[in-house]
PDB file of N, CA and C in Angstrom:
ATOM      1  N   MET A   1       0.800  -1.096  -0.083  1.00  0.00           N
ATOM      2  CA  MET A   1      -0.045   0.060   0.126  1.00  0.00           C
ATOM      3  C   MET A   1       1.012   1.209   0.139  1.00  0.00           C
ATOM      4  N   ALA A   2       0.636   2.173  -0.922  1.00  0.00           N
ATOM      5  CA  ALA A   2       1.477   3.327  -0.968  1.00  0.00           C
ATOM      6  C   ALA A   2       1.199   4.518   0.171  1.00  0.00           C
ATOM      7  N   ILE A   3       2.302   5.018   0.473  1.00  0.00           N
ATOM      8  CA  ILE A   3       2.186   6.157   1.578  1.00  0.00           C
ATOM      9  C   ILE A   3       1.728   7.402   0.889  1.00  0.00           C
ATOM     10  N   GLU A   4       0.755   7.905   1.492  1.00  0.00           N
ATOM     11  CA  GLU A   4       0.093   9.189   0.831  1.00  0.00           C
ATOM     12  C   GLU A   4       1.102  10.262   1.329  1.00  0.00           C
ATOM     13  N   THR A   5       1.112  11.491   0.468  1.00  0.00           N
ATOM     14  CA  THR A   5       1.826  12.659   0.761  1.00  0.00           C
ATOM     15  C   THR A   5       1.101  13.836   1.233  1.00  0.00           C
ATOM     16  N   PHE A   6       1.410  14.676   2.116  1.00  0.00           N
ATOM     17  CA  PHE A   6       0.806  15.791   2.501  1.00  0.00           C
ATOM     18  C   PHE A   6       1.166  16.910   1.574  1.00  0.00           C
ATOM     19  N   MET A   7       0.049  17.347   0.770  1.00  0.00           N
ATOM     20  CA  MET A   7       0.616  18.289  -0.256  1.00  0.00           C
ATOM     21  C   MET A   7       0.145  19.694  -0.279  1.00  0.00           C
ATOM     22  N   TRP A   8      -0.537  20.042   0.612  1.00  0.00           N
ATOM     23  CA  TRP A   8      -1.077  21.370   1.026  1.00  0.00           C
ATOM     24  C   TRP A   8      -0.009  22.472   1.641  1.00  0.00           C
ATOM     25  N   PRO A   9      -0.301  23.718   1.348  1.00  0.00           N
ATOM     26  CA  PRO A   9       0.869  24.575   1.695  1.00  0.00           C
ATOM     27  C   PRO A   9       0.932  24.684   3.133  1.00  0.00           C
ATOM     28  N   THR A  10       2.168  24.934   3.781  1.00  0.00           N
ATOM     29  CA  THR A  10       2.416  25.335   5.159  1.00  0.00           C
ATOM     30  C   THR A  10       2.506  26.934   5.174  1.00  0.00           C
ATOM     31  N   GLN A  11       1.521  27.429   5.928  1.00  0.00           N
ATOM     32  CA  GLN A  11       1.366  28.754   6.196  1.00  0.00           C
ATOM     33  C   GLN A  11       2.449  29.391   7.193  1.00  0.00           C
ATOM     34  N   VAL A  12       3.507  29.901   7.059  1.00  0.00           N
ATOM     35  CA  VAL A  12       4.451  30.080   8.166  1.00  0.00           C
ATOM     36  C   VAL A  12       4.025  31.616   8.743  1.00  0.00           C
ATOM     37  N   ALA A  13       3.248  32.221   8.208  1.00  0.00           N
ATOM     38  CA  ALA A  13       2.957  33.626   8.677  1.00  0.00           C
ATOM     39  C   ALA A  13       2.239  33.552  10.105  1.00  0.00           C
ATOM     40  N   GLY A  14       1.680  32.371  10.306  1.00  0.00           N
ATOM     41  CA  GLY A  14       0.892  32.180  11.497  1.00  0.00           C
ATOM     42  C   GLY A  14       1.894  31.845  12.742  1.00  0.00           C
ATOM     43  N   GLN A  15       3.132  31.849  12.464  1.00  0.00           N
ATOM     44  CA  GLN A  15       4.119  31.575  13.442  1.00  0.00           C
ATOM     45  C   GLN A  15       3.882  29.948  14.111  1.00  0.00           C
ATOM     46  N   PRO A  16       3.811  29.060  13.213  1.00  0.00           N
ATOM     47  CA  PRO A  16       3.906  27.667  13.631  1.00  0.00           C
ATOM     48  C   PRO A  16       4.914  27.305  14.554  1.00  0.00           C
ATOM     49  N   THR A  17       4.879  26.438  15.419  1.00  0.00           N
ATOM     50  CA  THR A  17       5.756  25.988  16.288  1.00  0.00           C
ATOM     51  C   THR A  17       6.327  24.675  16.011  1.00  0.00           C
ATOM     52  N   THR A  18       7.597  24.419  16.092  1.00  0.00           N
ATOM     53  CA  THR A  18       8.191  23.085  15.647  1.00  0.00           C
ATOM     54  C   THR A  18       8.998  22.909  17.086  1.00  0.00           C
ATOM     55  N   GLU A  19       8.741  21.589  17.489  1.00  0.00           N
ATOM     56  CA  GLU A  19       9.250  21.065  18.940  1.00  0.00           C
ATOM     57  C   GLU A  19      10.332  20.023  18.556  1.00  0.00           C
ATOM     58  N   TYR A  20      11.247  20.200  19.254  1.00  0.00           N
ATOM     59  CA  TYR A  20      12.316  19.062  19.202  1.00  0.00           C
ATOM     60  C   TYR A  20      12.420  18.123  20.514  1.00  0.00           C
ATOM     61  N   ALA A  21      12.138  17.010  20.530  1.00  0.00           N
ATOM     62  CA  ALA A  21      12.377  16.376  21.664  1.00  0.00           C
ATOM     63  C   ALA A  21      13.343  15.096  21.591  1.00  0.00           C
ATOM     64  N   ARG A  22      14.210  15.040  22.653  1.00  0.00           N
ATOM     65  CA  ARG A  22      15.234  13.981  22.542  1.00  0.00           C
ATOM     66  C   ARG A  22      14.937  12.991  23.508  1.00  0.00           C
ATOM     67  N   THR A  23      15.054  11.837  23.381  1.00  0.00           N
ATOM     68  CA  THR A  23      15.025  10.704  24.497  1.00  0.00           C
ATOM     69  C   THR A  23      16.484  10.315  24.636  1.00  0.00           C
ATOM     70  N   ILE A  24      16.810  10.624  25.812  1.00  0.00           N
ATOM     71  CA  ILE A  24      18.160  10.088  26.312  1.00  0.00           C
ATOM     72  C   ILE A  24      18.276   9.283  27.667  1.00  0.00           C
ATOM     73  N   ARG A  25      19.151   8.561  27.812  1.00  0.00           N
ATOM     74  CA  ARG A  25      19.330   7.862  29.218  1.00  0.00           C
ATOM     75  C   ARG A  25      20.662   8.606  29.874  1.00  0.00           C
ATOM     76  N   GLU A  26      20.411   8.674  31.163  1.00  0.00           N
ATOM     77  CA  GLU A  26      21.618   9.309  31.936  1.00  0.00           C
ATOM     78  C   GLU A  26      21.782   8.590  33.164  1.00  0.00           C
ATOM     79  N   VAL A  27      22.779   8.630  33.798  1.00  0.00           N
ATOM     80  CA  VAL A  27      23.203   8.044  34.946  1.00  0.00           C
ATOM     81  C   VAL A  27      24.191   8.989  35.831  1.00  0.00           C
ATOM     82  N   GLN A  28      23.755   9.232  36.956  1.00  0.00           N
ATOM     83  CA  GLN A  28      24.429   9.990  37.921  1.00  0.00           C
ATOM     84  C   GLN A  28      25.212   9.133  38.924  1.00  0.00           C
ATOM     85  N   PHE A  29      26.431   9.484  38.860  1.00  0.00           N
ATOM     86  CA  PHE A  29      27.430   8.519  39.834  1.00  0.00           C
ATOM     87  C   PHE A  29      27.582   9.258  41.203  1.00  0.00           C
ATOM     88  N   GLY A  30      27.898   8.692  42.260  1.00  0.00           N
ATOM     89  CA  GLY A  30      28.080   9.177  43.616  1.00  0.00           C
ATOM     90  C   GLY A  30      29.251  10.270  43.609  1.00  0.00           C
ATOM     91  N   ASP A  31      30.217  10.080  42.617  1.00  0.00           N
ATOM     92  CA  ASP A  31      31.181  11.088  42.729  1.00  0.00           C
ATOM     93  C   ASP A  31      31.108  12.390  41.814  1.00  0.00           C
ATOM     94  N   GLY A  32      29.878  12.620  41.205  1.00  0.00           N
ATOM     95  CA  GLY A  32      29.379  13.719  40.363  1.00  0.00           C
ATOM     96  C   GLY A  32      29.528  13.520  39.098  1.00  0.00           C
ATOM     97  N   TYR A  33      30.026  12.328  38.639  1.00  0.00           N
ATOM     98  CA  TYR A  33      30.216  12.121  37.291  1.00  0.00           C
ATOM     99  C   TYR A  33      28.832  11.782  36.604  1.00  0.00           C
ATOM    100  N   LYS A  34      28.536  12.285  35.532  1.00  0.00           N
ATOM    101  CA  LYS A  34      27.122  12.042  34.934  1.00  0.00           C
ATOM    102  C   LYS A  34      27.439  11.458  33.459  1.00  0.00           C
ATOM    103  N   GLN A  35      26.729  10.162  33.104  1.00  0.00           N
ATOM    104  CA  GLN A  35      26.989   9.732  31.896  1.00  0.00           C
ATOM    105  C   GLN A  35      25.556   9.846  31.121  1.00  0.00           C
ATOM    106  N   VAL A  36      25.662  10.384  29.942  1.00  0.00           N
ATOM    107  CA  VAL A  36      24.690  10.647  28.967  1.00  0.00           C
ATOM    108  C   VAL A  36      24.742   9.973  27.796  1.00  0.00           C
ATOM    109  N   SER A  37      23.492   9.374  27.117  1.00  0.00           N
ATOM    110  CA  SER A  37      23.651   8.566  25.851  1.00  0.00           C
ATOM    111  C   SER A  37      22.310   8.690  25.290  1.00  0.00           C
ATOM    112  N   GLU A  38      22.282   8.593  24.002  1.00  0.00           N
ATOM    113  CA  GLU A  38      21.166   8.429  23.201  1.00  0.00           C
ATOM    114  C   GLU A  38      20.234   7.177  23.418  1.00  0.00           C
ATOM    115  N   SER A  39      19.039   7.182  23.358  1.00  0.00           N
ATOM    116  CA  SER A  39      18.220   6.030  23.672  1.00  0.00           C
ATOM    117  C   SER A  39      17.740   5.464  22.347  1.00  0.00           C
ATOM    118  N   GLY A  40      18.413   4.716  21.582  1.00  0.00           N
ATOM    119  CA  GLY A  40      17.950   4.286  20.284  1.00  0.00           C
ATOM    120  C   GLY A  40      18.660   5.070  19.104  1.00  0.00           C
ATOM    121  N   ILE A  41      18.189   4.632  17.934  1.00  0.00           N
ATOM    122  CA  ILE A  41      18.905   5.285  16.904  1.00  0.00           C
ATOM    123  C   ILE A  41      17.961   6.363  16.357  1.00  0.00           C
ATOM    124  N   ASN A  42      16.670   6.384  16.730  1.00  0.00           N
ATOM    125  CA  ASN A  42      15.711   7.460  16.294  1.00  0.00           C
ATOM    126  C   ASN A  42      15.426   8.200  17.484  1.00  0.00           C
ATOM    127  N   SER A  43      16.269   8.936  18.357  1.00  0.00           N
ATOM    128  CA  SER A  43      16.190   9.439  19.691  1.00  0.00           C
ATOM    129  C   SER A  43      15.528  10.918  19.570  1.00  0.00           C
ATOM    130  N   GLU A  44      15.605  11.366  18.452  1.00  0.00           N
ATOM    131  CA  GLU A  44      15.012  12.844  18.430  1.00  0.00           C
ATOM    132  C   GLU A  44      13.823  12.676  17.665  1.00  0.00           C
ATOM    133  N   ARG A  45      12.658  13.311  18.288  1.00  0.00           N
ATOM    134  CA  ARG A  45      11.392  13.314  17.454  1.00  0.00           C
ATOM    135  C   ARG A  45      11.012  14.745  17.288  1.00  0.00           C
ATOM    136  N   ILE A  46      10.199  15.068  16.195  1.00  0.00           N
ATOM    137  CA  ILE A  46       9.857  16.538  15.907  1.00  0.00           C
ATOM    138  C   ILE A  46       8.303  16.489  15.905  1.00  0.00           C
ATOM    139  N   LYS A  47       7.636  17.616  16.542  1.00  0.00           N
ATOM    140  CA  LYS A  47       6.335  17.785  16.488  1.00  0.00           C
ATOM    141  C   LYS A  47       6.224  19.286  15.866  1.00  0.00           C
ATOM    142  N   PHE A  48       5.055  19.375  14.927  1.00  0.00           N
ATOM    143  CA  PHE A  48       4.848  20.547  14.353  1.00  0.00           C
ATOM    144  C   PHE A  48       3.347  20.896  14.376  1.00  0.00           C
ATOM    145  N   SER A  49       3.111  22.233  14.882  1.00  0.00           N
ATOM    146  CA  SER A  49       1.853  22.740  14.995  1.00  0.00           C
ATOM    147  C   SER A  49       1.460  23.296  13.546  1.00  0.00           C
ATOM    148  N   TYR A  50       0.564  22.446  12.721  1.00  0.00           N
ATOM    149  CA  TYR A  50       0.236  22.827  11.518  1.00  0.00           C
ATOM    150  C   TYR A  50      -1.108  23.606  11.470  1.00  0.00           C
ATOM    151  N   SER A  51      -1.227  24.773  10.722  1.00  0.00           N
ATOM    152  CA  SER A  51      -2.404  25.603  10.731  1.00  0.00           C
ATOM    153  C   SER A  51      -2.682  26.043   9.262  1.00  0.00           C
ATOM    154  N   PHE A  52      -3.856  25.971   8.751  1.00  0.00           N
ATOM    155  CA  PHE A  52      -4.157  26.534   7.469  1.00  0.00           C
ATOM    156  C   PHE A  52      -5.431  27.334   7.415  1.00  0.00           C
ATOM    157  N   ARG A  53      -5.302  28.608   6.967  1.00  0.00           N
ATOM    158  CA  ARG A  53      -6.609  29.368   6.808  1.00  0.00           C
ATOM    159  C   ARG A  53      -6.846  29.679   5.472  1.00  0.00           C
ATOM    160  N   GLY A  54      -8.025  29.315   5.062  1.00  0.00           N
ATOM    161  CA  GLY A  54      -8.281  29.674   3.479  1.00  0.00           C
ATOM    162  C   GLY A  54      -9.560  29.063   3.206  1.00  0.00           C
ATOM    163  N   SER A  55      -9.867  28.787   2.055  1.00  0.00           N
ATOM    164  CA  SER A  55     -11.315  28.350   1.559  1.00  0.00           C
ATOM    165  C   SER A  55     -11.843  27.009   2.360  1.00  0.00           C
ATOM    166  N   LEU A  56     -13.025  27.044   2.644  1.00  0.00           N
ATOM    167  CA  LEU A  56     -13.760  25.935   3.278  1.00  0.00           C
ATOM    168  C   LEU A  56     -13.456  24.772   2.656  1.00  0.00           C
ATOM    169  N   SER A  57     -13.508  24.586   1.474  1.00  0.00           N
ATOM    170  CA  SER A  57     -13.455  23.294   0.741  1.00  0.00           C
ATOM    171  C   SER A  57     -11.940  22.654   0.663  1.00  0.00           C
ATOM    172  N   VAL A  58     -10.873  23.601   0.882  1.00  0.00           N
ATOM    173  CA  VAL A  58      -9.585  23.211   0.921  1.00  0.00           C
ATOM    174  C   VAL A  58      -9.399  22.822   2.514  1.00  0.00           C
ATOM    175  N   ALA A  59      -9.951  23.537   3.576  1.00  0.00           N
ATOM    176  CA  ALA A  59      -9.756  23.313   4.904  1.00  0.00           C
ATOM    177  C   ALA A  59     -10.544  21.920   5.155  1.00  0.00           C
ATOM    178  N   ILE A  60     -11.501  21.683   4.598  1.00  0.00           N
ATOM    179  CA  ILE A  60     -12.260  20.414   4.794  1.00  0.00           C
ATOM    180  C   ILE A  60     -11.485  19.209   4.192  1.00  0.00           C
ATOM    181  N   ALA A  61     -10.625  19.450   3.100  1.00  0.00           N
ATOM    182  CA  ALA A  61      -9.933  18.410   2.443  1.00  0.00           C
ATOM    183  C   ALA A  61      -8.787  18.278   3.514  1.00  0.00           C
ATOM    184  N   ILE A  62      -8.044  19.064   3.949  1.00  0.00           N
ATOM    185  CA  ILE A  62      -6.961  18.890   4.983  1.00  0.00           C
ATOM    186  C   ILE A  62      -7.568  18.185   6.163  1.00  0.00           C
ATOM    187  N   ARG A  63      -8.653  18.646   6.646  1.00  0.00           N
ATOM    188  CA  ARG A  63      -9.225  17.948   7.923  1.00  0.00           C
ATOM    189  C   ARG A  63      -9.342  16.618   7.687  1.00  0.00           C
ATOM    190  N   ASP A  64      -9.929  16.202   6.528  1.00  0.00           N
ATOM    191  CA  ASP A  64     -10.229  14.687   6.237  1.00  0.00           C
ATOM    192  C   ASP A  64      -8.848  14.055   5.958  1.00  0.00           C
ATOM    193  N   PHE A  65      -7.817  14.557   5.456  1.00  0.00           N
ATOM    194  CA  PHE A  65      -6.604  13.934   5.267  1.00  0.00           C
ATOM    195  C   PHE A  65      -5.847  13.694   6.925  1.00  0.00           C
ATOM    196  N   CYS A  66      -6.181  14.599   7.582  1.00  0.00           N
ATOM    197  CA  CYS A  66      -5.594  14.456   8.995  1.00  0.00           C
ATOM    198  C   CYS A  66      -6.400  13.337   9.852  1.00  0.00           C
ATOM    199  N   ARG A  67      -7.647  13.428   9.784  1.00  0.00           N
ATOM    200  CA  ARG A  67      -8.553  12.319  10.440  1.00  0.00           C
ATOM    201  C   ARG A  67      -7.903  10.922   9.865  1.00  0.00           C
ATOM    202  N   ARG A  68      -7.719  10.807   8.626  1.00  0.00           N
ATOM    203  CA  ARG A  68      -7.262   9.406   8.104  1.00  0.00           C
ATOM    204  C   ARG A  68      -5.827   9.103   8.652  1.00  0.00           C
ATOM    205  N   HIS A  69      -5.002  10.032   9.168  1.00  0.00           N
ATOM    206  CA  HIS A  69      -3.631   9.810   9.408  1.00  0.00           C
ATOM    207  C   HIS A  69      -3.267   9.912  10.746  1.00  0.00           C
ATOM    208  N   CYS A  70      -4.238   9.586  11.804  1.00  0.00           N
ATOM    209  CA  CYS A  70      -3.706   9.536  13.314  1.00  0.00           C
ATOM    210  C   CYS A  70      -3.061   8.125  13.514  1.00  0.00           C
ATOM    211  N   THR A  71      -3.229   7.212  12.698  1.00  0.00           N
ATOM    212  CA  THR A  71      -2.563   5.951  12.935  1.00  0.00           C
ATOM    213  C   THR A  71      -1.843   5.385  11.893  1.00  0.00           C
ATOM    214  N   LYS A  72      -1.963   5.992  10.749  1.00  0.00           N
ATOM    215  CA  LYS A  72      -1.394   5.888   9.424  1.00  0.00           C
ATOM    216  C   LYS A  72      -0.325   6.803   9.001  1.00  0.00           C
ATOM    217  N   ALA A  73       0.839   6.584   8.691  1.00  0.00           N
ATOM    218  CA  ALA A  73       1.926   7.591   8.435  1.00  0.00           C
ATOM    219  C   ALA A  73       1.689   8.128   7.039  1.00  0.00           C
ATOM    220  N   PHE A  74       2.217   9.257   6.889  1.00  0.00           N
ATOM    221  CA  PHE A  74       2.142  10.002   5.511  1.00  0.00           C
ATOM    222  C   PHE A  74       3.516  10.787   5.504  1.00  0.00           C
ATOM    223  N   ILE A  75       4.032  11.103   4.210  1.00  0.00           N
ATOM    224  CA  ILE A  75       5.073  11.921   3.862  1.00  0.00           C
ATOM    225  C   ILE A  75       5.012  13.411   3.903  1.00  0.00           C
ATOM    226  N   TRP A  76       5.806  14.163   4.494  1.00  0.00           N
ATOM    227  CA  TRP A  76       5.547  15.575   4.519  1.00  0.00           C
ATOM    228  C   TRP A  76       6.965  16.233   4.762  1.00  0.00           C
ATOM    229  N   THR A  77       7.356  17.538   4.237  1.00  0.00           N
ATOM    230  CA  THR A  77       8.465  18.001   4.390  1.00  0.00           C
ATOM    231  C   THR A  77       8.115  19.318   5.111  1.00  0.00           C
ATOM    232  N   PRO A  78       8.498  19.549   6.557  1.00  0.00           N
ATOM    233  CA  PRO A  78       8.235  20.633   7.387  1.00  0.00           C
ATOM    234  C   PRO A  78       9.122  22.048   6.727  1.00  0.00           C
ATOM    235  N   PRO A  79       8.706  23.148   7.052  1.00  0.00           N
ATOM    236  CA  PRO A  79       9.423  24.358   6.409  1.00  0.00           C
ATOM    237  C   PRO A  79      10.916  24.122   7.121  1.00  0.00           C
ATOM    238  N   HIS A  80      11.833  24.287   6.464  1.00  0.00           N
ATOM    239  CA  HIS A  80      13.225  24.409   6.911  1.00  0.00           C
ATOM    240  C   HIS A  80      13.803  23.020   7.357  1.00  0.00           C
ATOM    241  N   GLY A  81      12.996  22.016   6.886  1.00  0.00           N
ATOM    242  CA  GLY A  81      13.267  20.589   7.463  1.00  0.00           C
ATOM    243  C   GLY A  81      13.479  19.464   6.308  1.00  0.00           C
ATOM    244  N   ASP A  82      13.678  18.309   6.592  1.00  0.00           N
ATOM    245  CA  ASP A  82      13.735  17.372   5.637  1.00  0.00           C
ATOM    246  C   ASP A  82      12.468  16.412   5.647  1.00  0.00           C
ATOM    247  N   LYS A  83      12.334  16.010   4.405  1.00  0.00           N
ATOM    248  CA  LYS A  83      11.278  15.112   4.232  1.00  0.00           C
ATOM    249  C   LYS A  83      11.315  14.007   5.063  1.00  0.00           C
ATOM    250  N   GLY A  84      10.188  13.531   5.732  1.00  0.00           N
ATOM    251  CA  GLY A  84       9.997  12.384   6.768  1.00  0.00           C
ATOM    252  C   GLY A  84       8.708  11.806   6.637  1.00  0.00           C
ATOM    253  N   LEU A  85       8.546  10.951   7.743  1.00  0.00           N
ATOM    254  CA  LEU A  85       7.224  10.224   7.967  1.00  0.00           C
ATOM    255  C   LEU A  85       6.528  10.904   9.122  1.00  0.00           C
ATOM    256  N   TYR A  86       5.340  11.163   9.113  1.00  0.00           N
ATOM    257  CA  TYR A  86       4.667  11.807  10.264  1.00  0.00           C
ATOM    258  C   TYR A  86       3.360  11.107  10.392  1.00  0.00           C
ATOM    259  N   ILE A  87       2.750  11.391  11.707  1.00  0.00           N
ATOM    260  CA  ILE A  87       1.355  10.941  11.991  1.00  0.00           C
ATOM    261  C   ILE A  87       0.738  12.268  12.450  1.00  0.00           C
ATOM    262  N   ILE A  88      -0.733  12.154  12.595  1.00  0.00           N
ATOM    263  CA  ILE A  88      -1.398  13.250  13.206  1.00  0.00           C
ATOM    264  C   ILE A  88      -1.777  12.939  14.764  1.00  0.00           C
ATOM    265  N   SER A  89      -1.451  13.971  15.746  1.00  0.00           N
ATOM    266  CA  SER A  89      -1.659  13.601  17.147  1.00  0.00           C
ATOM    267  C   SER A  89      -3.218  13.424  17.110  1.00  0.00           C
ATOM    268  N   ALA A  90      -3.752  12.400  17.671  1.00  0.00           N
ATOM    269  CA  ALA A  90      -5.263  12.001  17.583  1.00  0.00           C
ATOM    270  C   ALA A  90      -6.262  13.124  18.107  1.00  0.00           C
ATOM    271  N   ASP A  91      -5.847  13.914  19.108  1.00  0.00           N
ATOM    272  CA  ASP A  91      -6.758  14.814  19.686  1.00  0.00           C
ATOM    273  C   ASP A  91      -6.318  16.197  19.223  1.00  0.00           C
ATOM    274  N   SER A  92      -5.699  16.390  18.165  1.00  0.00           N
ATOM    275  CA  SER A  92      -5.274  17.821  17.897  1.00  0.00           C
ATOM    276  C   SER A  92      -5.849  18.452  16.738  1.00  0.00           C
ATOM    277  N   ILE A  93      -6.923  17.745  15.954  1.00  0.00           N
ATOM    278  CA  ILE A  93      -7.417  17.977  14.963  1.00  0.00           C
ATOM    279  C   ILE A  93      -8.494  19.165  15.194  1.00  0.00           C
ATOM    280  N   ARG A  94      -8.391  20.355  14.633  1.00  0.00           N
ATOM    281  CA  ARG A  94      -9.525  21.463  14.867  1.00  0.00           C
ATOM    282  C   ARG A  94      -9.869  22.118  13.536  1.00  0.00           C
ATOM    283  N   LEU A  95     -11.141  22.295  13.426  1.00  0.00           N
ATOM    284  CA  LEU A  95     -11.772  23.020  12.063  1.00  0.00           C
ATOM    285  C   LEU A  95     -12.520  24.155  12.731  1.00  0.00           C
ATOM    286  N   ILE A  96     -12.076  25.407  12.344  1.00  0.00           N
ATOM    287  CA  ILE A  96     -12.833  26.694  12.813  1.00  0.00           C
ATOM    288  C   ILE A  96     -13.541  27.196  11.750  1.00  0.00           C
ATOM    289  N   PRO A  97     -14.902  27.522  11.489  1.00  0.00           N
ATOM    290  CA  PRO A  97     -15.395  28.136  10.381  1.00  0.00           C
ATOM    291  C   PRO A  97     -15.027  29.717  10.558  1.00  0.00           C
ATOM    292  N   ASN A  98     -14.649  30.470   9.463  1.00  0.00           N
ATOM    293  CA  ASN A  98     -14.348  31.869   9.423  1.00  0.00           C
ATOM    294  C   ASN A  98     -15.340  32.396   8.282  1.00  0.00           C
ATOM    295  N   GLY A  99     -16.745  32.293   8.795  1.00  0.00           N
ATOM    296  CA  GLY A  99     -17.330  32.756   7.776  1.00  0.00           C
ATOM    297  C   GLY A  99     -18.120  31.689   6.963  1.00  0.00           C
ATOM    298  N   LYS A 100     -18.805  31.948   5.801  1.00  0.00           N
ATOM    299  CA  LYS A 100     -19.475  30.792   5.063  1.00  0.00           C
ATOM    300  C   LYS A 100     -18.672  30.125   4.137  1.00  0.00           C
ATOM    301  N   THR A 101     -17.349  30.890   3.640  1.00  0.00           N
ATOM    302  CA  THR A 101     -16.626  30.245   2.634  1.00  0.00           C
ATOM    303  C   THR A 101     -15.238  30.131   2.964  1.00  0.00           C
ATOM    304  N   GLN A 102     -14.925  30.458   4.312  1.00  0.00           N
ATOM    305  CA  GLN A 102     -13.540  30.362   4.780  1.00  0.00           C
ATOM    306  C   GLN A 102     -13.559  29.468   6.154  1.00  0.00           C
ATOM    307  N   ALA A 103     -12.316  28.838   6.335  1.00  0.00           N
ATOM    308  CA  ALA A 103     -12.266  28.105   7.654  1.00  0.00           C
ATOM    309  C   ALA A 103     -10.614  28.011   7.980  1.00  0.00           C
ATOM    310  N   THR A 104     -10.378  27.702   9.235  1.00  0.00           N
ATOM    311  CA  THR A 104      -9.015  27.424   9.679  1.00  0.00           C
ATOM    312  C   THR A 104      -8.954  26.007  10.233  1.00  0.00           C
ATOM    313  N   VAL A 105      -8.161  25.090   9.763  1.00  0.00           N
ATOM    314  CA  VAL A 105      -7.950  23.948  10.269  1.00  0.00           C
ATOM    315  C   VAL A 105      -6.524  23.661  10.907  1.00  0.00           C
ATOM    316  N   SER A 106      -6.478  23.134  11.922  1.00  0.00           N
ATOM    317  CA  SER A 106      -5.129  23.018  12.605  1.00  0.00           C
ATOM    318  C   SER A 106      -5.014  21.538  13.023  1.00  0.00           C
ATOM    319  N   ALA A 107      -3.739  21.101  13.169  1.00  0.00           N
ATOM    320  CA  ALA A 107      -3.420  19.672  13.634  1.00  0.00           C
ATOM    321  C   ALA A 107      -1.999  19.654  14.083  1.00  0.00           C
ATOM    322  N   THR A 108      -1.624  18.809  14.888  1.00  0.00           N
ATOM    323  CA  THR A 108      -0.097  18.640  15.238  1.00  0.00           C
ATOM    324  C   THR A 108       0.237  17.234  14.618  1.00  0.00           C
ATOM    325  N   PHE A 109       1.441  17.693  13.728  1.00  0.00           N
ATOM    326  CA  PHE A 109       2.194  16.541  13.160  1.00  0.00           C
ATOM    327  C   PHE A 109       3.203  15.970  14.048  1.00  0.00           C
ATOM    328  N   GLU A 110       3.420  14.697  14.212  1.00  0.00           N
ATOM    329  CA  GLU A 110       4.468  14.150  15.076  1.00  0.00           C
ATOM    330  C   GLU A 110       5.287  13.120  14.028  1.00  0.00           C
ATOM    331  N   GLN A 111       6.577  13.363  14.188  1.00  0.00           N
ATOM    332  CA  GLN A 111       7.461  12.536  13.478  1.00  0.00           C
ATOM    333  C   GLN A 111       7.437  11.253  13.756  1.00  0.00           C
ATOM    334  N   THR A 112       7.367  10.057  12.899  1.00  0.00           N
ATOM    335  CA  THR A 112       7.321   8.615  13.239  1.00  0.00           C
ATOM    336  C   THR A 112       8.591   8.118  12.391  1.00  0.00           C
ATOM    337  N   PHE A 113       8.830   6.841  12.570  1.00  0.00           N
ATOM    338  CA  PHE A 113       9.987   6.099  11.856  1.00  0.00           C
ATOM    339  C   PHE A 113       9.540   4.803  11.328  1.00  0.00           C
ATOM    340  N   SER A 114      10.213   4.542  10.194  1.00  0.00           N
ATOM    341  CA  SER A 114       9.881   3.235   9.564  1.00  0.00           C
ATOM    342  C   SER A 114      11.234   2.542   9.043  1.00  0.00           C
ATOM    343  N   ALA A 115      11.337   1.337   8.613  1.00  0.00           N
ATOM    344  CA  ALA A 115      12.412   0.778   8.138  1.00  0.00           C
ATOM    345  C   ALA A 115      12.301   1.141   6.565  1.00  0.00           C
ATOM    346  N   VAL A 116      11.385   1.602   5.939  1.00  0.00           N
ATOM    347  CA  VAL A 116      11.193   1.930   4.617  1.00  0.00           C
ATOM    348  C   VAL A 116      11.804   3.297   4.292  1.00  0.00           C
ATOM    349  N   GLU A 117      12.496   3.536   3.373  1.00  0.00           N
ATOM    350  CA  GLU A 117      13.003   4.808   3.085  1.00  0.00           C
ATOM    351  C   GLU A 117      12.058   5.683   2.145  1.00  0.00           C
ATOM    352  N   VAL A 118      12.077   6.988   2.830  1.00  0.00           N
ATOM    353  CA  VAL A 118      10.917   7.971   1.935  1.00  0.00           C
ATOM    354  C   VAL A 118      11.721   8.878   1.148  1.00  0.00           C
TER     355      VAL A 118
END
């Protein structure tokens, strides 16, 4: 089964937030020495707060894409980042009507990993 690609524009004027979280292991010894190491080969994960404001039909298409990808990975390239696999945080999808023909849709994209090269 083919992996879908998120093709809609990223609007950076809304100041979206990119979060970088790293999983590490650390041990503190009695003499003050502290040892720190990565926890696995994919220890850094990225979260991106995505938001789109525009036509209602485009916002609904983005919302529907997001609803399909809470458990299924998709390909996306974040602003100033590298192409990778992402999923949608399950409780992060929002659709806010802005009149009859406009809407804002938002969701949180979380980086995920696979053995398949994207």
